[in-house]
Amino acid sequence: MEKREWKETRPGFWEAEAVGVVEVILILVVLIALVIIFQDQLTQLVNNIFESIRNKAGTIY
């Protein structure tokens, strides 16, 4: 196979990068949707974690 044929058969740099960009965008959309769906539960979890940290921080000193 000649070099010229090889270059014509493989995808171009921008085509390969476009697929990666689409995948990243789809992953971000799914993550944002999950955060919106579980917003109340995530807020409660974070608040509980910080409350636990505040309560146990006094026992260290």
N, C-alpha and C. Protein backbone atom coordinates (compact mmCIF):
# COMPACT_ATOMS: atom_id res chain seq x y z
N MET A 1 0.84 -1.18 0.00
CA MET A 1 0.00 0.00 0.00
C MET A 1 0.89 1.24 0.00
N GLU A 2 0.61 2.14 -0.86
CA GLU A 2 1.40 3.36 -0.94
C GLU A 2 0.99 4.33 0.16
N LYS A 3 1.89 5.26 0.45
CA LYS A 3 1.59 6.27 1.47
C LYS A 3 0.35 7.07 1.10
N ARG A 4 0.24 7.38 -0.15
CA ARG A 4 -0.88 8.20 -0.59
C ARG A 4 -2.22 7.50 -0.31
N GLU A 5 -2.30 6.21 -0.59
CA GLU A 5 -3.52 5.46 -0.32
C GLU A 5 -3.80 5.41 1.17
N TRP A 6 -2.76 5.24 1.99
CA TRP A 6 -2.93 5.16 3.44
C TRP A 6 -3.54 6.44 3.98
N LYS A 7 -3.05 7.58 3.51
CA LYS A 7 -3.57 8.86 3.98
C LYS A 7 -5.04 9.03 3.60
N GLU A 8 -5.44 8.52 2.47
CA GLU A 8 -6.82 8.69 2.02
C GLU A 8 -7.78 7.77 2.75
N THR A 9 -7.31 6.63 3.26
CA THR A 9 -8.22 5.68 3.90
C THR A 9 -8.41 5.94 5.39
N ARG A 10 -7.42 6.53 6.05
CA ARG A 10 -7.58 6.78 7.49
C ARG A 10 -8.33 8.08 7.71
N PRO A 11 -9.08 8.17 8.84
CA PRO A 11 -9.83 9.41 9.07
C PRO A 11 -8.89 10.57 9.36
N GLY A 12 -9.32 11.74 9.02
CA GLY A 12 -8.52 12.94 9.25
C GLY A 12 -8.47 13.28 10.73
N PHE A 13 -7.53 14.13 11.07
CA PHE A 13 -7.35 14.53 12.46
C PHE A 13 -8.61 15.15 13.02
N TRP A 14 -9.22 16.06 12.29
CA TRP A 14 -10.40 16.77 12.79
C TRP A 14 -11.59 15.85 12.91
N GLU A 15 -11.71 14.87 12.01
CA GLU A 15 -12.81 13.91 12.10
C GLU A 15 -12.67 13.07 13.35
N ALA A 16 -11.47 12.61 13.66
CA ALA A 16 -11.24 11.81 14.85
C ALA A 16 -11.47 12.63 16.11
N GLU A 17 -11.04 13.88 16.11
CA GLU A 17 -11.24 14.75 17.27
C GLU A 17 -12.71 15.09 17.46
N ALA A 18 -13.46 15.21 16.38
CA ALA A 18 -14.88 15.54 16.49
C ALA A 18 -15.63 14.45 17.23
N VAL A 19 -15.26 13.20 17.01
CA VAL A 19 -15.90 12.09 17.71
C VAL A 19 -15.63 12.21 19.21
N GLY A 20 -14.42 12.54 19.60
CA GLY A 20 -14.08 12.71 21.01
C GLY A 20 -14.84 13.85 21.64
N VAL A 21 -15.01 14.93 20.91
CA VAL A 21 -15.74 16.09 21.43
C VAL A 21 -17.20 15.73 21.66
N VAL A 22 -17.79 15.01 20.73
CA VAL A 22 -19.19 14.60 20.86
C VAL A 22 -19.36 13.70 22.08
N GLU A 23 -18.43 12.78 22.30
CA GLU A 23 -18.50 11.89 23.46
C GLU A 23 -18.41 12.68 24.76
N VAL A 24 -17.51 13.64 24.83
CA VAL A 24 -17.36 14.45 26.04
C VAL A 24 -18.63 15.26 26.29
N ILE A 25 -19.20 15.83 25.25
CA ILE A 25 -20.43 16.61 25.41
C ILE A 25 -21.56 15.72 25.90
N LEU A 26 -21.69 14.52 25.36
CA LEU A 26 -22.75 13.61 25.81
C LEU A 26 -22.55 13.21 27.27
N ILE A 27 -21.33 12.96 27.68
CA ILE A 27 -21.06 12.61 29.07
C ILE A 27 -21.42 13.78 29.98
N LEU A 28 -21.06 15.00 29.60
CA LEU A 28 -21.41 16.18 30.39
C LEU A 28 -22.92 16.36 30.50
N VAL A 29 -23.63 16.13 29.42
CA VAL A 29 -25.09 16.26 29.44
C VAL A 29 -25.70 15.26 30.42
N VAL A 30 -25.21 14.03 30.40
CA VAL A 30 -25.72 13.00 31.31
C VAL A 30 -25.41 13.37 32.76
N LEU A 31 -24.18 13.83 33.02
CA LEU A 31 -23.82 14.21 34.39
C LEU A 31 -24.66 15.38 34.89
N ILE A 32 -24.88 16.38 34.06
CA ILE A 32 -25.71 17.51 34.45
C ILE A 32 -27.14 17.07 34.72
N ALA A 33 -27.66 16.18 33.88
CA ALA A 33 -29.02 15.67 34.10
C ALA A 33 -29.11 14.92 35.42
N LEU A 34 -28.10 14.11 35.75
CA LEU A 34 -28.11 13.38 37.01
C LEU A 34 -28.06 14.34 38.20
N VAL A 35 -27.26 15.38 38.10
CA VAL A 35 -27.18 16.37 39.19
C VAL A 35 -28.52 17.06 39.36
N ILE A 36 -29.18 17.41 38.27
CA ILE A 36 -30.48 18.07 38.36
C ILE A 36 -31.52 17.13 38.97
N ILE A 37 -31.50 15.87 38.56
CA ILE A 37 -32.48 14.90 39.06
C ILE A 37 -32.29 14.66 40.56
N PHE A 38 -31.04 14.49 40.98
CA PHE A 38 -30.75 14.14 42.37
C PHE A 38 -30.25 15.34 43.18
N GLN A 39 -30.63 16.54 42.81
CA GLN A 39 -30.13 17.75 43.45
C GLN A 39 -30.44 17.77 44.95
N ASP A 40 -31.66 17.44 45.33
CA ASP A 40 -32.02 17.47 46.75
C ASP A 40 -31.21 16.45 47.56
N GLN A 41 -31.08 15.25 47.03
CA GLN A 41 -30.32 14.22 47.73
C GLN A 41 -28.85 14.59 47.85
N LEU A 42 -28.28 15.16 46.79
CA LEU A 42 -26.87 15.57 46.83
C LEU A 42 -26.66 16.70 47.82
N THR A 43 -27.58 17.65 47.86
CA THR A 43 -27.48 18.76 48.80
C THR A 43 -27.54 18.25 50.24
N GLN A 44 -28.47 17.35 50.50
CA GLN A 44 -28.60 16.78 51.84
C GLN A 44 -27.34 15.99 52.23
N LEU A 45 -26.79 15.23 51.29
CA LEU A 45 -25.58 14.46 51.56
C LEU A 45 -24.40 15.38 51.90
N VAL A 46 -24.21 16.42 51.12
CA VAL A 46 -23.11 17.36 51.36
C VAL A 46 -23.29 18.07 52.69
N ASN A 47 -24.51 18.48 53.00
CA ASN A 47 -24.78 19.13 54.28
C ASN A 47 -24.48 18.19 55.44
N ASN A 48 -24.87 16.93 55.32
CA ASN A 48 -24.60 15.95 56.38
C ASN A 48 -23.10 15.74 56.56
N ILE A 49 -22.37 15.71 55.48
CA ILE A 49 -20.91 15.52 55.56
C ILE A 49 -20.27 16.70 56.27
N PHE A 50 -20.65 17.92 55.89
CA PHE A 50 -20.05 19.09 56.53
C PHE A 50 -20.47 19.22 58.00
N GLU A 51 -21.69 18.83 58.31
CA GLU A 51 -22.14 18.85 59.71
C GLU A 51 -21.32 17.86 60.54
N SER A 52 -21.06 16.71 59.98
CA SER A 52 -20.25 15.71 60.66
C SER A 52 -18.82 16.22 60.85
N ILE A 53 -18.29 16.89 59.86
CA ILE A 53 -16.93 17.44 59.96
C ILE A 53 -16.89 18.51 61.06
N ARG A 54 -17.90 19.40 61.08
CA ARG A 54 -17.94 20.45 62.10
C ARG A 54 -18.06 19.85 63.50
N ASN A 55 -18.89 18.82 63.65
CA ASN A 55 -19.07 18.21 64.97
C ASN A 55 -17.80 17.52 65.46
N LYS A 56 -17.09 16.86 64.57
CA LYS A 56 -15.90 16.12 64.97
C LYS A 56 -14.65 17.00 65.04
N ALA A 57 -14.72 18.17 64.42
CA ALA A 57 -13.55 19.07 64.46
C ALA A 57 -13.30 19.58 65.87
N GLY A 58 -14.33 19.76 66.66
CA GLY A 58 -14.16 20.22 68.03
C GLY A 58 -13.48 19.19 68.91
N THR A 59 -13.61 17.93 68.61
CA THR A 59 -13.00 16.88 69.44
C THR A 59 -11.51 16.73 69.17
N ILE A 60 -11.02 17.24 68.06
CA ILE A 60 -9.61 17.09 67.72
C ILE A 60 -8.76 17.99 68.61
N TYR A 61 -9.23 19.21 68.90
CA TYR A 61 -8.44 20.18 69.65
C TYR A 61 -8.65 20.01 71.09
